[in-house]
Amino acid sequence: MNEYGLEKFTSVVTDNAPNLKAAWDILREKYPKILTMGCSAHALHLLTKDVMAFPEFKRILEQAKVVVKFFRKQSPGAILEDIQEKRNGTSALEMPCDTRWASTMRCISSVLFLDRDCRD
């Protein structure tokens, strides 16, 4: 921070690990005008992991993954191609990624959209 100039810093954002929280205390003491805080995206990721650990939500996500894997193994049929066109060429189905909290929501949403679009 000294190398780049303290006047360029208003805050420091990190994840919420205990060692980094300890570093916040050091920074707050040394630089009281600099705000230290945890990353909101990291907090959302941890919250999503906790919520998805509940059996009801875990079952829903596992079922969504089965649907996505099934369609990914198949040759894209006309129905899936039509759905992709409706979505401006974006993938109709998405698998969750362990390091991206929003991908869990997009996986479940993509299966729900597929269900709705197949019924239309």
PDB file of N, CA and C in Angstrom:
ATOM      1  N   MET A   1       0.829  -1.180   0.000  1.00  0.00           N
ATOM      2  CA  MET A   1       0.000   0.000   0.000  1.00  0.00           C
ATOM      3  C   MET A   1       0.878   1.250   0.000  1.00  0.00           C
ATOM      4  N   ASN A   2       1.944   1.195   0.781  1.00  0.00           N
ATOM      5  CA  ASN A   2       2.855   2.338   0.808  1.00  0.00           C
ATOM      6  C   ASN A   2       3.506   2.551  -0.552  1.00  0.00           C
ATOM      7  N   GLU A   3       3.780   1.452  -1.238  1.00  0.00           N
ATOM      8  CA  GLU A   3       4.439   1.532  -2.546  1.00  0.00           C
ATOM      9  C   GLU A   3       3.585   2.285  -3.572  1.00  0.00           C
ATOM     10  N   TYR A   4       2.276   2.109  -3.510  1.00  0.00           N
ATOM     11  CA  TYR A   4       1.381   2.740  -4.475  1.00  0.00           C
ATOM     12  C   TYR A   4       0.821   4.065  -3.985  1.00  0.00           C
ATOM     13  N   GLY A   5       0.960   4.327  -2.701  1.00  0.00           N
ATOM     14  CA  GLY A   5       0.450   5.570  -2.137  1.00  0.00           C
ATOM     15  C   GLY A   5      -0.840   5.338  -1.370  1.00  0.00           C
ATOM     16  N   LEU A   6      -0.810   5.622  -0.091  1.00  0.00           N
ATOM     17  CA  LEU A   6      -1.977   5.385   0.762  1.00  0.00           C
ATOM     18  C   LEU A   6      -3.207   6.163   0.312  1.00  0.00           C
ATOM     19  N   GLU A   7      -3.000   7.319  -0.304  1.00  0.00           N
ATOM     20  CA  GLU A   7      -4.136   8.141  -0.746  1.00  0.00           C
ATOM     21  C   GLU A   7      -4.962   7.453  -1.836  1.00  0.00           C
ATOM     22  N   LYS A   8      -4.429   6.416  -2.453  1.00  0.00           N
ATOM     23  CA  LYS A   8      -5.150   5.686  -3.501  1.00  0.00           C
ATOM     24  C   LYS A   8      -6.060   4.603  -2.927  1.00  0.00           C
ATOM     25  N   PHE A   9      -5.994   4.355  -1.635  1.00  0.00           N
ATOM     26  CA  PHE A   9      -6.765   3.290  -1.007  1.00  0.00           C
ATOM     27  C   PHE A   9      -7.835   3.869  -0.095  1.00  0.00           C
ATOM     28  N   THR A  10      -9.051   3.374  -0.277  1.00  0.00           N
ATOM     29  CA  THR A  10     -10.133   3.726   0.638  1.00  0.00           C
ATOM     30  C   THR A  10     -10.612   2.509   1.406  1.00  0.00           C
ATOM     31  N   SER A  11     -10.357   1.319   0.835  1.00  0.00           N
ATOM     32  CA  SER A  11     -10.805   0.089   1.489  1.00  0.00           C
ATOM     33  C   SER A  11      -9.955  -1.090   1.037  1.00  0.00           C
ATOM     34  N   VAL A  12     -10.059  -2.155   1.827  1.00  0.00           N
ATOM     35  CA  VAL A  12      -9.406  -3.417   1.510  1.00  0.00           C
ATOM     36  C   VAL A  12     -10.474  -4.496   1.643  1.00  0.00           C
ATOM     37  N   VAL A  13     -10.637  -5.300   0.594  1.00  0.00           N
ATOM     38  CA  VAL A  13     -11.649  -6.355   0.578  1.00  0.00           C
ATOM     39  C   VAL A  13     -10.943  -7.700   0.446  1.00  0.00           C
ATOM     40  N   THR A  14     -11.313  -8.632   1.338  1.00  0.00           N
ATOM     41  CA  THR A  14     -10.742  -9.978   1.305  1.00  0.00           C
ATOM     42  C   THR A  14     -11.858 -10.981   1.563  1.00  0.00           C
ATOM     43  N   ASP A  15     -11.513 -12.262   1.542  1.00  0.00           N
ATOM     44  CA  ASP A  15     -12.504 -13.231   2.005  1.00  0.00           C
ATOM     45  C   ASP A  15     -12.528 -13.161   3.534  1.00  0.00           C
ATOM     46  N   ASN A  16     -13.300 -14.024   4.158  1.00  0.00           N
ATOM     47  CA  ASN A  16     -13.524 -13.906   5.595  1.00  0.00           C
ATOM     48  C   ASN A  16     -12.719 -14.898   6.435  1.00  0.00           C
ATOM     49  N   ALA A  17     -11.610 -15.353   5.922  1.00  0.00           N
ATOM     50  CA  ALA A  17     -10.765 -16.312   6.653  1.00  0.00           C
ATOM     51  C   ALA A  17     -10.227 -15.657   7.933  1.00  0.00           C
ATOM     52  N   PRO A  18     -10.066 -16.445   8.975  1.00  0.00           N
ATOM     53  CA  PRO A  18      -9.590 -15.889  10.251  1.00  0.00           C
ATOM     54  C   PRO A  18      -8.265 -15.129  10.149  1.00  0.00           C
ATOM     55  N   ASN A  19      -7.334 -15.630   9.337  1.00  0.00           N
ATOM     56  CA  ASN A  19      -6.048 -14.941   9.214  1.00  0.00           C
ATOM     57  C   ASN A  19      -6.208 -13.570   8.556  1.00  0.00           C
ATOM     58  N   LEU A  20      -7.169 -13.451   7.647  1.00  0.00           N
ATOM     59  CA  LEU A  20      -7.387 -12.155   7.004  1.00  0.00           C
ATOM     60  C   LEU A  20      -8.145 -11.202   7.925  1.00  0.00           C
ATOM     61  N   LYS A  21      -9.034 -11.746   8.749  1.00  0.00           N
ATOM     62  CA  LYS A  21      -9.697 -10.902   9.744  1.00  0.00           C
ATOM     63  C   LYS A  21      -8.667 -10.341  10.728  1.00  0.00           C
ATOM     64  N   ALA A  22      -7.668 -11.132  11.065  1.00  0.00           N
ATOM     65  CA  ALA A  22      -6.583 -10.642  11.923  1.00  0.00           C
ATOM     66  C   ALA A  22      -5.814  -9.532  11.211  1.00  0.00           C
ATOM     67  N   ALA A  23      -5.618  -9.691   9.913  1.00  0.00           N
ATOM     68  CA  ALA A  23      -4.928  -8.653   9.137  1.00  0.00           C
ATOM     69  C   ALA A  23      -5.762  -7.371   9.106  1.00  0.00           C
ATOM     70  N   TRP A  24      -7.094  -7.504   9.085  1.00  0.00           N
ATOM     71  CA  TRP A  24      -7.957  -6.309   9.133  1.00  0.00           C
ATOM     72  C   TRP A  24      -7.655  -5.498  10.389  1.00  0.00           C
ATOM     73  N   ASP A  25      -7.550  -6.196  11.510  1.00  0.00           N
ATOM     74  CA  ASP A  25      -7.280  -5.502  12.780  1.00  0.00           C
ATOM     75  C   ASP A  25      -5.970  -4.718  12.711  1.00  0.00           C
ATOM     76  N   ILE A  26      -4.964  -5.325  12.111  1.00  0.00           N
ATOM     77  CA  ILE A  26      -3.669  -4.651  11.963  1.00  0.00           C
ATOM     78  C   ILE A  26      -3.822  -3.425  11.062  1.00  0.00           C
ATOM     79  N   LEU A  27      -4.527  -3.593   9.944  1.00  0.00           N
ATOM     80  CA  LEU A  27      -4.728  -2.471   9.022  1.00  0.00           C
ATOM     81  C   LEU A  27      -5.542  -1.351   9.667  1.00  0.00           C
ATOM     82  N   ARG A  28      -6.589  -1.713  10.404  1.00  0.00           N
ATOM     83  CA  ARG A  28      -7.426  -0.704  11.066  1.00  0.00           C
ATOM     84  C   ARG A  28      -6.607   0.114  12.072  1.00  0.00           C
ATOM     85  N   GLU A  29      -5.724  -0.568  12.768  1.00  0.00           N
ATOM     86  CA  GLU A  29      -4.905   0.134  13.756  1.00  0.00           C
ATOM     87  C   GLU A  29      -3.895   1.047  13.071  1.00  0.00           C
ATOM     88  N   LYS A  30      -3.285   0.538  12.020  1.00  0.00           N
ATOM     89  CA  LYS A  30      -2.230   1.305  11.342  1.00  0.00           C
ATOM     90  C   LYS A  30      -2.809   2.394  10.427  1.00  0.00           C
ATOM     91  N   TYR A  31      -3.956   2.075   9.784  1.00  0.00           N
ATOM     92  CA  TYR A  31      -4.576   3.016   8.835  1.00  0.00           C
ATOM     93  C   TYR A  31      -6.064   3.165   9.173  1.00  0.00           C
ATOM     94  N   PRO A  32      -6.414   3.939  10.170  1.00  0.00           N
ATOM     95  CA  PRO A  32      -7.809   4.010  10.623  1.00  0.00           C
ATOM     96  C   PRO A  32      -8.798   4.552   9.583  1.00  0.00           C
ATOM     97  N   LYS A  33      -8.321   5.271   8.580  1.00  0.00           N
ATOM     98  CA  LYS A  33      -9.231   5.816   7.564  1.00  0.00           C
ATOM     99  C   LYS A  33      -9.556   4.808   6.455  1.00  0.00           C
ATOM    100  N   ILE A  34      -8.856   3.683   6.443  1.00  0.00           N
ATOM    101  CA  ILE A  34      -9.084   2.672   5.412  1.00  0.00           C
ATOM    102  C   ILE A  34     -10.083   1.643   5.945  1.00  0.00           C
ATOM    103  N   LEU A  35     -11.136   1.417   5.183  1.00  0.00           N
ATOM    104  CA  LEU A  35     -12.186   0.469   5.553  1.00  0.00           C
ATOM    105  C   LEU A  35     -11.759  -0.944   5.170  1.00  0.00           C
ATOM    106  N   THR A  36     -11.927  -1.886   6.079  1.00  0.00           N
ATOM    107  CA  THR A  36     -11.637  -3.290   5.775  1.00  0.00           C
ATOM    108  C   THR A  36     -12.937  -4.070   5.863  1.00  0.00           C
ATOM    109  N   MET A  37     -13.133  -4.978   4.910  1.00  0.00           N
ATOM    110  CA  MET A  37     -14.390  -5.729   4.885  1.00  0.00           C
ATOM    111  C   MET A  37     -14.226  -7.033   4.133  1.00  0.00           C
ATOM    112  N   GLY A  38     -15.164  -7.937   4.396  1.00  0.00           N
ATOM    113  CA  GLY A  38     -15.206  -9.203   3.685  1.00  0.00           C
ATOM    114  C   GLY A  38     -15.897  -9.043   2.343  1.00  0.00           C
ATOM    115  N   CYS A  39     -15.535  -9.885   1.428  1.00  0.00           N
ATOM    116  CA  CYS A  39     -16.099  -9.863   0.077  1.00  0.00           C
ATOM    117  C   CYS A  39     -17.544 -10.378   0.110  1.00  0.00           C
ATOM    118  N   SER A  40     -18.474  -9.592  -0.425  1.00  0.00           N
ATOM    119  CA  SER A  40     -19.884 -10.004  -0.408  1.00  0.00           C
ATOM    120  C   SER A  40     -20.123 -11.208  -1.319  1.00  0.00           C
ATOM    121  N   ALA A  41     -19.404 -11.302  -2.428  1.00  0.00           N
ATOM    122  CA  ALA A  41     -19.560 -12.461  -3.311  1.00  0.00           C
ATOM    123  C   ALA A  41     -19.108 -13.734  -2.596  1.00  0.00           C
ATOM    124  N   HIS A  42     -18.043 -13.639  -1.837  1.00  0.00           N
ATOM    125  CA  HIS A  42     -17.562 -14.795  -1.075  1.00  0.00           C
ATOM    126  C   HIS A  42     -18.582 -15.180  -0.009  1.00  0.00           C
ATOM    127  N   ALA A  43     -19.158 -14.183   0.654  1.00  0.00           N
ATOM    128  CA  ALA A  43     -20.178 -14.462   1.669  1.00  0.00           C
ATOM    129  C   ALA A  43     -21.404 -15.123   1.032  1.00  0.00           C
ATOM    130  N   LEU A  44     -21.820 -14.642  -0.142  1.00  0.00           N
ATOM    131  CA  LEU A  44     -22.952 -15.267  -0.844  1.00  0.00           C
ATOM    132  C   LEU A  44     -22.631 -16.702  -1.237  1.00  0.00           C
ATOM    133  N   HIS A  45     -21.405 -16.931  -1.666  1.00  0.00           N
ATOM    134  CA  HIS A  45     -20.989 -18.284  -2.038  1.00  0.00           C
ATOM    135  C   HIS A  45     -21.091 -19.224  -0.830  1.00  0.00           C
ATOM    136  N   LEU A  46     -20.596 -18.770   0.318  1.00  0.00           N
ATOM    137  CA  LEU A  46     -20.663 -19.590   1.532  1.00  0.00           C
ATOM    138  C   LEU A  46     -22.108 -19.814   1.968  1.00  0.00           C
ATOM    139  N   LEU A  47     -22.940 -18.783   1.853  1.00  0.00           N
ATOM    140  CA  LEU A  47     -24.353 -18.919   2.208  1.00  0.00           C
ATOM    141  C   LEU A  47     -25.045 -19.925   1.296  1.00  0.00           C
ATOM    142  N   THR A  48     -24.765 -19.839  -0.001  1.00  0.00           N
ATOM    143  CA  THR A  48     -25.361 -20.773  -0.961  1.00  0.00           C
ATOM    144  C   THR A  48     -24.948 -22.203  -0.644  1.00  0.00           C
ATOM    145  N   LYS A  49     -23.673 -22.412  -0.316  1.00  0.00           N
ATOM    146  CA  LYS A  49     -23.220 -23.759   0.050  1.00  0.00           C
ATOM    147  C   LYS A  49     -23.963 -24.272   1.275  1.00  0.00           C
ATOM    148  N   ASP A  50     -24.162 -23.400   2.266  1.00  0.00           N
ATOM    149  CA  ASP A  50     -24.884 -23.808   3.475  1.00  0.00           C
ATOM    150  C   ASP A  50     -26.331 -24.158   3.174  1.00  0.00           C
ATOM    151  N   VAL A  51     -26.991 -23.328   2.367  1.00  0.00           N
ATOM    152  CA  VAL A  51     -28.392 -23.581   2.021  1.00  0.00           C
ATOM    153  C   VAL A  51     -28.518 -24.871   1.222  1.00  0.00           C
ATOM    154  N   MET A  52     -27.618 -25.074   0.273  1.00  0.00           N
ATOM    155  CA  MET A  52     -27.697 -26.254  -0.582  1.00  0.00           C
ATOM    156  C   MET A  52     -27.336 -27.535   0.177  1.00  0.00           C
ATOM    157  N   ALA A  53     -26.845 -27.417   1.400  1.00  0.00           N
ATOM    158  CA  ALA A  53     -26.557 -28.601   2.219  1.00  0.00           C
ATOM    159  C   ALA A  53     -27.826 -29.173   2.849  1.00  0.00           C
ATOM    160  N   PHE A  54     -28.908 -28.374   2.909  1.00  0.00           N
ATOM    161  CA  PHE A  54     -30.171 -28.902   3.423  1.00  0.00           C
ATOM    162  C   PHE A  54     -30.660 -29.993   2.479  1.00  0.00           C
ATOM    163  N   PRO A  55     -31.142 -31.105   3.010  1.00  0.00           N
ATOM    164  CA  PRO A  55     -31.521 -32.244   2.169  1.00  0.00           C
ATOM    165  C   PRO A  55     -32.506 -31.899   1.054  1.00  0.00           C
ATOM    166  N   GLU A  56     -33.481 -31.036   1.333  1.00  0.00           N
ATOM    167  CA  GLU A  56     -34.475 -30.702   0.305  1.00  0.00           C
ATOM    168  C   GLU A  56     -33.834 -29.999  -0.880  1.00  0.00           C
ATOM    169  N   PHE A  57     -32.951 -29.024  -0.588  1.00  0.00           N
ATOM    170  CA  PHE A  57     -32.297 -28.279  -1.653  1.00  0.00           C
ATOM    171  C   PHE A  57     -31.251 -29.127  -2.361  1.00  0.00           C
ATOM    172  N   LYS A  58     -30.558 -29.956  -1.586  1.00  0.00           N
ATOM    173  CA  LYS A  58     -29.549 -30.831  -2.171  1.00  0.00           C
ATOM    174  C   LYS A  58     -30.197 -31.788  -3.177  1.00  0.00           C
ATOM    175  N   ARG A  59     -31.368 -32.321  -2.818  1.00  0.00           N
ATOM    176  CA  ARG A  59     -32.092 -33.238  -3.707  1.00  0.00           C
ATOM    177  C   ARG A  59     -32.491 -32.523  -4.999  1.00  0.00           C
ATOM    178  N   ILE A  60     -32.986 -31.299  -4.893  1.00  0.00           N
ATOM    179  CA  ILE A  60     -33.388 -30.541  -6.082  1.00  0.00           C
ATOM    180  C   ILE A  60     -32.196 -30.314  -6.996  1.00  0.00           C
ATOM    181  N   LEU A  61     -31.067 -29.914  -6.423  1.00  0.00           N
ATOM    182  CA  LEU A  61     -29.875 -29.670  -7.239  1.00  0.00           C
ATOM    183  C   LEU A  61     -29.382 -30.957  -7.886  1.00  0.00           C
ATOM    184  N   GLU A  62     -29.385 -32.044  -7.146  1.00  0.00           N
ATOM    185  CA  GLU A  62     -28.941 -33.327  -7.715  1.00  0.00           C
ATOM    186  C   GLU A  62     -29.840 -33.748  -8.868  1.00  0.00           C
ATOM    187  N   GLN A  63     -31.157 -33.545  -8.739  1.00  0.00           N
ATOM    188  CA  GLN A  63     -32.082 -33.875  -9.821  1.00  0.00           C
ATOM    189  C   GLN A  63     -31.828 -32.983 -11.035  1.00  0.00           C
ATOM    190  N   ALA A  64     -31.561 -31.715 -10.804  1.00  0.00           N
ATOM    191  CA  ALA A  64     -31.261 -30.796 -11.914  1.00  0.00           C
ATOM    192  C   ALA A  64     -29.992 -31.237 -12.635  1.00  0.00           C
ATOM    193  N   LYS A  65     -28.972 -31.661 -11.886  1.00  0.00           N
ATOM    194  CA  LYS A  65     -27.724 -32.140 -12.499  1.00  0.00           C
ATOM    195  C   LYS A  65     -27.976 -33.373 -13.363  1.00  0.00           C
ATOM    196  N   VAL A  66     -28.836 -34.275 -12.907  1.00  0.00           N
ATOM    197  CA  VAL A  66     -29.150 -35.477 -13.684  1.00  0.00           C
ATOM    198  C   VAL A  66     -29.759 -35.085 -15.024  1.00  0.00           C
ATOM    199  N   VAL A  67     -30.680 -34.129 -15.010  1.00  0.00           N
ATOM    200  CA  VAL A  67     -31.325 -33.676 -16.250  1.00  0.00           C
ATOM    201  C   VAL A  67     -30.291 -33.054 -17.187  1.00  0.00           C
ATOM    202  N   VAL A  68     -29.445 -32.177 -16.644  1.00  0.00           N
ATOM    203  CA  VAL A  68     -28.430 -31.518 -17.472  1.00  0.00           C
ATOM    204  C   VAL A  68     -27.477 -32.558 -18.067  1.00  0.00           C
ATOM    205  N   LYS A  69     -27.001 -33.490 -17.254  1.00  0.00           N
ATOM    206  CA  LYS A  69     -26.079 -34.521 -17.752  1.00  0.00           C
ATOM    207  C   LYS A  69     -26.740 -35.375 -18.832  1.00  0.00           C
ATOM    208  N   PHE A  70     -28.011 -35.709 -18.640  1.00  0.00           N
ATOM    209  CA  PHE A  70     -28.718 -36.511 -19.633  1.00  0.00           C
ATOM    210  C   PHE A  70     -28.721 -35.813 -20.984  1.00  0.00           C
ATOM    211  N   PHE A  71     -29.111 -34.543 -21.003  1.00  0.00           N
ATOM    212  CA  PHE A  71     -29.194 -33.832 -22.274  1.00  0.00           C
ATOM    213  C   PHE A  71     -27.825 -33.542 -22.865  1.00  0.00           C
ATOM    214  N   ARG A  72     -26.831 -33.386 -22.041  1.00  0.00           N
ATOM    215  CA  ARG A  72     -25.483 -33.139 -22.565  1.00  0.00           C
ATOM    216  C   ARG A  72     -24.915 -34.377 -23.247  1.00  0.00           C
ATOM    217  N   LYS A  73     -25.341 -35.564 -22.816  1.00  0.00           N
ATOM    218  CA  LYS A  73     -24.857 -36.803 -23.425  1.00  0.00           C
ATOM    219  C   LYS A  73     -25.554 -37.084 -24.753  1.00  0.00           C
ATOM    220  N   GLN A  74     -26.735 -36.518 -24.936  1.00  0.00           N
ATOM    221  CA  GLN A  74     -27.506 -36.755 -26.154  1.00  0.00           C
ATOM    222  C   GLN A  74     -27.081 -35.771 -27.238  1.00  0.00           C
ATOM    223  N   SER A  75     -27.338 -36.146 -28.493  1.00  0.00           N
ATOM    224  CA  SER A  75     -27.162 -35.181 -29.580  1.00  0.00           C
ATOM    225  C   SER A  75     -28.225 -34.112 -29.402  1.00  0.00           C
ATOM    226  N   PRO A  76     -27.858 -32.853 -29.585  1.00  0.00           N
ATOM    227  CA  PRO A  76     -28.885 -31.825 -29.398  1.00  0.00           C
ATOM    228  C   PRO A  76     -30.023 -32.041 -30.386  1.00  0.00           C
ATOM    229  N   GLY A  77     -31.194 -32.219 -29.858  1.00  0.00           N
ATOM    230  CA  GLY A  77     -32.368 -32.407 -30.699  1.00  0.00           C
ATOM    231  C   GLY A  77     -32.968 -31.080 -31.094  1.00  0.00           C
ATOM    232  N   ALA A  78     -33.988 -31.141 -31.908  1.00  0.00           N
ATOM    233  CA  ALA A  78     -34.635 -29.919 -32.397  1.00  0.00           C
ATOM    234  C   ALA A  78     -35.197 -29.089 -31.246  1.00  0.00           C
ATOM    235  N   ILE A  79     -35.719 -29.756 -30.219  1.00  0.00           N
ATOM    236  CA  ILE A  79     -36.299 -29.012 -29.100  1.00  0.00           C
ATOM    237  C   ILE A  79     -35.232 -28.172 -28.402  1.00  0.00           C
ATOM    238  N   LEU A  80     -34.087 -28.802 -28.111  1.00  0.00           N
ATOM    239  CA  LEU A  80     -33.029 -28.057 -27.435  1.00  0.00           C
ATOM    240  C   LEU A  80     -32.476 -26.941 -28.314  1.00  0.00           C
ATOM    241  N   GLU A  81     -32.374 -27.180 -29.607  1.00  0.00           N
ATOM    242  CA  GLU A  81     -31.896 -26.133 -30.514  1.00  0.00           C
ATOM    243  C   GLU A  81     -32.868 -24.968 -30.537  1.00  0.00           C
ATOM    244  N   ASP A  82     -34.173 -25.255 -30.542  1.00  0.00           N
ATOM    245  CA  ASP A  82     -35.180 -24.184 -30.499  1.00  0.00           C
ATOM    246  C   ASP A  82     -35.059 -23.373 -29.211  1.00  0.00           C
ATOM    247  N   ILE A  83     -34.861 -24.058 -28.112  1.00  0.00           N
ATOM    248  CA  ILE A  83     -34.730 -23.372 -26.829  1.00  0.00           C
ATOM    249  C   ILE A  83     -33.491 -22.484 -26.822  1.00  0.00           C
ATOM    250  N   GLN A  84     -32.397 -22.996 -27.382  1.00  0.00           N
ATOM    251  CA  GLN A  84     -31.181 -22.188 -27.449  1.00  0.00           C
ATOM    252  C   GLN A  84     -31.407 -20.951 -28.309  1.00  0.00           C
ATOM    253  N   GLU A  85     -32.139 -21.081 -29.393  1.00  0.00           N
ATOM    254  CA  GLU A  85     -32.442 -19.921 -30.234  1.00  0.00           C
ATOM    255  C   GLU A  85     -33.263 -18.893 -29.468  1.00  0.00           C
ATOM    256  N   LYS A  86     -34.240 -19.347 -28.684  1.00  0.00           N
ATOM    257  CA  LYS A  86     -35.054 -18.431 -27.878  1.00  0.00           C
ATOM    258  C   LYS A  86     -34.189 -17.655 -26.894  1.00  0.00           C
ATOM    259  N   ARG A  87     -33.093 -18.252 -26.483  1.00  0.00           N
ATOM    260  CA  ARG A  87     -32.208 -17.618 -25.503  1.00  0.00           C
ATOM    261  C   ARG A  87     -31.028 -16.939 -26.182  1.00  0.00           C
ATOM    262  N   ASN A  88     -31.195 -16.564 -27.419  1.00  0.00           N
ATOM    263  CA  ASN A  88     -30.160 -15.845 -28.171  1.00  0.00           C
ATOM    264  C   ASN A  88     -28.852 -16.618 -28.266  1.00  0.00           C
ATOM    265  N   GLY A  89     -28.965 -17.931 -28.452  1.00  0.00           N
ATOM    266  CA  GLY A  89     -27.779 -18.744 -28.656  1.00  0.00           C
ATOM    267  C   GLY A  89     -27.059 -19.167 -27.391  1.00  0.00           C
ATOM    268  N   THR A  90     -27.566 -18.750 -26.227  1.00  0.00           N
ATOM    269  CA  THR A  90     -26.911 -19.177 -24.996  1.00  0.00           C
ATOM    270  C   THR A  90     -27.299 -20.610 -24.686  1.00  0.00           C
ATOM    271  N   SER A  91     -26.505 -21.256 -23.895  1.00  0.00           N
ATOM    272  CA  SER A  91     -26.758 -22.649 -23.555  1.00  0.00           C
ATOM    273  C   SER A  91     -28.085 -22.786 -22.836  1.00  0.00           C
ATOM    274  N   ALA A  92     -28.844 -23.772 -23.226  1.00  0.00           N
ATOM    275  CA  ALA A  92     -30.151 -23.985 -22.607  1.00  0.00           C
ATOM    276  C   ALA A  92     -30.015 -24.593 -21.220  1.00  0.00           C
ATOM    277  N   LEU A  93     -28.963 -25.361 -20.990  1.00  0.00           N
ATOM    278  CA  LEU A  93     -28.776 -26.027 -19.702  1.00  0.00           C
ATOM    279  C   LEU A  93     -27.385 -25.723 -19.157  1.00  0.00           C
ATOM    280  N   GLU A  94     -27.295 -25.574 -17.850  1.00  0.00           N
ATOM    281  CA  GLU A  94     -26.010 -25.233 -17.246  1.00  0.00           C
ATOM    282  C   GLU A  94     -25.764 -26.095 -16.010  1.00  0.00           C
ATOM    283  N   MET A  95     -24.536 -26.585 -15.897  1.00  0.00           N
ATOM    284  CA  MET A  95     -24.118 -27.329 -14.709  1.00  0.00           C
ATOM    285  C   MET A  95     -23.580 -26.337 -13.679  1.00  0.00           C
ATOM    286  N   PRO A  96     -23.766 -26.656 -12.391  1.00  0.00           N
ATOM    287  CA  PRO A  96     -23.196 -25.766 -11.373  1.00  0.00           C
ATOM    288  C   PRO A  96     -21.688 -25.927 -11.278  1.00  0.00           C
ATOM    289  N   CYS A  97     -21.042 -24.885 -10.848  1.00  0.00           N
ATOM    290  CA  CYS A  97     -19.594 -24.883 -10.636  1.00  0.00           C
ATOM    291  C   CYS A  97     -19.361 -24.639  -9.142  1.00  0.00           C
ATOM    292  N   ASP A  98     -18.523 -25.429  -8.524  1.00  0.00           N
ATOM    293  CA  ASP A  98     -18.306 -25.340  -7.077  1.00  0.00           C
ATOM    294  C   ASP A  98     -17.823 -23.969  -6.618  1.00  0.00           C
ATOM    295  N   THR A  99     -17.138 -23.245  -7.472  1.00  0.00           N
ATOM    296  CA  THR A  99     -16.567 -21.964  -7.050  1.00  0.00           C
ATOM    297  C   THR A  99     -17.389 -20.755  -7.475  1.00  0.00           C
ATOM    298  N   ARG A 100     -18.553 -20.980  -8.059  1.00  0.00           N
ATOM    299  CA  ARG A 100     -19.408 -19.876  -8.511  1.00  0.00           C
ATOM    300  C   ARG A 100     -20.803 -20.047  -7.928  1.00  0.00           C
ATOM    301  N   TRP A 101     -21.151 -19.222  -6.952  1.00  0.00           N
ATOM    302  CA  TRP A 101     -22.418 -19.393  -6.240  1.00  0.00           C
ATOM    303  C   TRP A 101     -23.617 -19.242  -7.164  1.00  0.00           C
ATOM    304  N   ALA A 102     -23.551 -18.354  -8.138  1.00  0.00           N
ATOM    305  CA  ALA A 102     -24.699 -18.114  -9.014  1.00  0.00           C
ATOM    306  C   ALA A 102     -24.949 -19.283  -9.962  1.00  0.00           C
ATOM    307  N   SER A 103     -23.941 -20.107 -10.206  1.00  0.00           N
ATOM    308  CA  SER A 103     -24.130 -21.220 -11.137  1.00  0.00           C
ATOM    309  C   SER A 103     -25.119 -22.246 -10.583  1.00  0.00           C
ATOM    310  N   THR A 104     -25.234 -22.350  -9.271  1.00  0.00           N
ATOM    311  CA  THR A 104     -26.219 -23.258  -8.662  1.00  0.00           C
ATOM    312  C   THR A 104     -27.619 -22.803  -9.039  1.00  0.00           C
ATOM    313  N   MET A 105     -27.878 -21.515  -8.892  1.00  0.00           N
ATOM    314  CA  MET A 105     -29.178 -20.958  -9.256  1.00  0.00           C
ATOM    315  C   MET A 105     -29.433 -21.101 -10.756  1.00  0.00           C
ATOM    316  N   ARG A 106     -28.404 -20.842 -11.576  1.00  0.00           N
ATOM    317  CA  ARG A 106     -28.584 -20.943 -13.028  1.00  0.00           C
ATOM    318  C   ARG A 106     -28.849 -22.380 -13.464  1.00  0.00           C
ATOM    319  N   CYS A 107     -28.239 -23.355 -12.798  1.00  0.00           N
ATOM    320  CA  CYS A 107     -28.482 -24.764 -13.122  1.00  0.00           C
ATOM    321  C   CYS A 107     -29.951 -25.109 -12.888  1.00  0.00           C
ATOM    322  N   ILE A 108     -30.437 -24.792 -11.699  1.00  0.00           N
ATOM    323  CA  ILE A 108     -31.834 -25.111 -11.378  1.00  0.00           C
ATOM    324  C   ILE A 108     -32.778 -24.334 -12.287  1.00  0.00           C
ATOM    325  N   SER A 109     -32.490 -23.051 -12.515  1.00  0.00           N
ATOM    326  CA  SER A 109     -33.331 -22.233 -13.394  1.00  0.00           C
ATOM    327  C   SER A 109     -33.352 -22.782 -14.811  1.00  0.00           C
ATOM    328  N   SER A 110     -32.193 -23.235 -15.292  1.00  0.00           N
ATOM    329  CA  SER A 110     -32.139 -23.724 -16.672  1.00  0.00           C
ATOM    330  C   SER A 110     -33.012 -24.961 -16.845  1.00  0.00           C
ATOM    331  N   VAL A 111     -33.054 -25.828 -15.830  1.00  0.00           N
ATOM    332  CA  VAL A 111     -33.912 -27.016 -15.906  1.00  0.00           C
ATOM    333  C   VAL A 111     -35.381 -26.605 -15.834  1.00  0.00           C
ATOM    334  N   LEU A 112     -35.695 -25.640 -14.981  1.00  0.00           N
ATOM    335  CA  LEU A 112     -37.084 -25.162 -14.891  1.00  0.00           C
ATOM    336  C   LEU A 112     -37.518 -24.505 -16.202  1.00  0.00           C
ATOM    337  N   PHE A 113     -36.628 -23.723 -16.829  1.00  0.00           N
ATOM    338  CA  PHE A 113     -36.946 -23.120 -18.125  1.00  0.00           C
ATOM    339  C   PHE A 113     -37.138 -24.190 -19.194  1.00  0.00           C
ATOM    340  N   LEU A 114     -36.278 -25.206 -19.173  1.00  0.00           N
ATOM    341  CA  LEU A 114     -36.412 -26.300 -20.136  1.00  0.00           C
ATOM    342  C   LEU A 114     -37.752 -26.972 -19.976  1.00  0.00           C
ATOM    343  N   ASP A 115     -38.146 -27.249 -18.733  1.00  0.00           N
ATOM    344  CA  ASP A 115     -39.444 -27.858 -18.473  1.00  0.00           C
ATOM    345  C   ASP A 115     -40.568 -26.988 -19.018  1.00  0.00           C
ATOM    346  N   ARG A 116     -40.514 -25.709 -18.717  1.00  0.00           N
ATOM    347  CA  ARG A 116     -41.565 -24.794 -19.193  1.00  0.00           C
ATOM    348  C   ARG A 116     -41.587 -24.716 -20.720  1.00  0.00           C
ATOM    349  N   ASP A 117     -40.398 -24.586 -21.326  1.00  0.00           N
ATOM    350  CA  ASP A 117     -40.331 -24.440 -22.782  1.00  0.00           C
ATOM    351  C   ASP A 117     -40.778 -25.726 -23.492  1.00  0.00           C
ATOM    352  N   CYS A 118     -40.501 -26.886 -22.893  1.00  0.00           N
ATOM    353  CA  CYS A 118     -40.926 -28.137 -23.506  1.00  0.00           C
ATOM    354  C   CYS A 118     -42.445 -28.307 -23.411  1.00  0.00           C
ATOM    355  N   ARG A 119     -43.046 -27.719 -22.399  1.00  0.00           N
ATOM    356  CA  ARG A 119     -44.494 -27.811 -22.248  1.00  0.00           C
ATOM    357  C   ARG A 119     -45.231 -26.858 -23.184  1.00  0.00           C
ATOM    358  N   ASP A 120     -44.569 -25.771 -23.589  1.00  0.00           N
ATOM    359  CA  ASP A 120     -45.209 -24.772 -24.473  1.00  0.00           C
ATOM    360  C   ASP A 120     -45.357 -25.303 -25.885  1.00  0.00           C
TER     361      ASP A 120
END
